């Protein structure tokens, strides 16, 4: 006889369903984890750039002497571009599909 076993999906508690203490702890742990990840990633990127030769760094406009500040500038620029892109996508998504072609909308 063939039996079918069904597995129920594993559900994880969401912060809203937890008590206030656990919810606060959840958010603090999440924020701490994101901070740790960001610092780890920055160290990895800096380590990779440190492995480049002076000539290779010069090709991308960096140097070993100013690597830390160059990396900060690079991250700031990437964050600014991400925010601009998000804003543009938000504006475009809010428009009706044929807003740019009024004659075709009718």
Protein backbone atom coordinates (compact mmCIF):
# COMPACT_ATOMS: atom_id res chain seq x y z
CA UNK A 1 0.00 0.00 0.00
CA UNK A 2 1.31 3.42 -0.95
CA UNK A 3 1.30 6.03 1.77
CA UNK A 4 1.81 9.69 1.18
CA UNK A 5 3.52 11.72 3.82
CA UNK A 6 2.97 15.42 3.82
CA UNK A 7 5.37 17.78 5.47
CA UNK A 8 4.06 20.96 6.92
CA UNK A 9 6.19 24.01 6.21
CA UNK A 10 8.37 25.13 9.04
CA UNK A 11 7.08 28.43 10.29
CA UNK A 12 9.31 30.84 12.10
CA UNK A 13 7.85 33.32 14.51
CA UNK A 14 7.74 36.85 13.19
CA UNK A 15 8.58 39.78 15.46
CA UNK A 16 4.94 40.92 15.52
CA UNK A 17 3.85 37.58 16.91
CA UNK A 18 6.41 37.63 19.72
CA UNK A 19 6.05 39.32 23.06
CA UNK A 20 7.54 42.84 23.29
CA UNK A 21 10.77 41.69 24.96
CA UNK A 22 11.40 38.99 22.38
CA UNK A 23 10.49 41.37 19.57
CA UNK A 24 13.01 43.94 20.81
CA UNK A 25 15.64 41.26 21.19
CA UNK A 26 14.88 40.02 17.66
CA UNK A 27 15.47 43.49 16.18
CA UNK A 28 18.66 44.07 18.20
CA UNK A 29 20.09 40.71 17.15
CA UNK A 30 19.17 41.37 13.53
CA UNK A 31 20.80 44.80 13.60
CA UNK A 32 23.92 43.38 15.28
CA UNK A 33 24.13 40.63 12.66
CA UNK A 34 23.80 43.13 9.79
CA UNK A 35 26.54 45.29 11.33
CA UNK A 36 28.80 42.27 11.72
CA UNK A 37 28.16 41.23 8.10
CA UNK A 38 28.95 44.70 6.81
CA UNK A 39 32.22 44.91 8.77
CA UNK A 40 33.21 41.41 7.62
CA UNK A 41 32.51 42.30 4.00
CA UNK A 42 34.47 45.55 4.27
CA UNK A 43 37.48 43.70 5.71
CA UNK A 44 37.28 41.16 2.87
CA UNK A 45 37.12 43.91 0.22
CA UNK A 46 39.98 45.82 1.81
CA UNK A 47 42.04 42.63 2.00
CA UNK A 48 41.42 41.90 -1.66
CA UNK A 49 42.40 45.44 -2.65
CA UNK A 50 45.53 45.25 -0.47
CA UNK A 51 46.57 42.23 -2.52
CA UNK A 52 46.69 44.29 -5.69
CA UNK A 53 49.92 45.82 -6.91
CA UNK A 54 50.54 49.55 -6.96
CA UNK A 55 49.98 49.56 -10.74
CA UNK A 56 46.69 47.67 -10.47
CA UNK A 57 45.40 50.03 -7.80
CA UNK A 58 46.43 53.01 -9.92
CA UNK A 59 44.33 51.61 -12.78
CA UNK A 60 41.20 51.97 -10.62
CA UNK A 61 42.26 55.31 -9.12
CA UNK A 62 43.42 54.04 -5.74
CA UNK A 63 46.70 53.69 -3.87
CA UNK A 64 47.89 51.71 -0.86
CA UNK A 65 48.45 54.94 1.09
CA UNK A 66 44.84 56.11 0.72
CA UNK A 67 43.11 52.74 0.45
CA UNK A 68 40.92 53.15 3.54
CA UNK A 69 39.59 56.56 2.49
CA UNK A 70 39.23 55.41 -1.14
CA UNK A 71 37.18 52.45 0.04
CA UNK A 72 34.93 54.72 2.13
CA UNK A 73 34.39 57.01 -0.87
CA UNK A 74 33.59 54.01 -3.06
CA UNK A 75 31.04 52.70 -0.56
CA UNK A 76 29.44 56.14 -0.12
CA UNK A 77 29.14 56.57 -3.89
CA UNK A 78 27.61 53.10 -4.30
CA UNK A 79 25.08 53.83 -1.53
CA UNK A 80 24.15 57.17 -3.10
CA UNK A 81 23.69 55.54 -6.51
CA UNK A 82 21.57 52.79 -4.95
CA UNK A 83 19.32 55.37 -3.28
CA UNK A 84 18.93 57.31 -6.53
CA UNK A 85 18.12 54.11 -8.44
CA UNK A 86 15.55 53.09 -5.81
CA UNK A 87 13.93 56.52 -6.02
CA UNK A 88 13.79 56.41 -9.83
CA UNK A 89 12.26 52.93 -9.78
CA UNK A 90 9.70 54.05 -7.18
CA UNK A 91 8.71 57.04 -9.35
CA UNK A 92 8.49 54.94 -12.51
CA UNK A 93 6.47 52.20 -10.80
CA UNK A 94 3.94 54.75 -9.51
CA UNK A 95 3.09 55.92 -13.04
CA UNK A 96 0.22 54.37 -14.98
CA UNK A 97 1.43 52.07 -17.77
CA UNK A 98 0.67 54.48 -20.63
CA UNK A 99 1.25 57.79 -18.85
CA UNK A 100 3.94 58.76 -21.34
CA UNK A 101 1.64 58.18 -24.32
CA UNK A 102 -1.66 59.97 -23.53
CA UNK A 103 -3.18 59.32 -26.97
CA UNK A 104 -2.77 55.55 -26.50
CA UNK A 105 -4.29 55.54 -23.01
CA UNK A 106 -7.81 56.30 -24.30
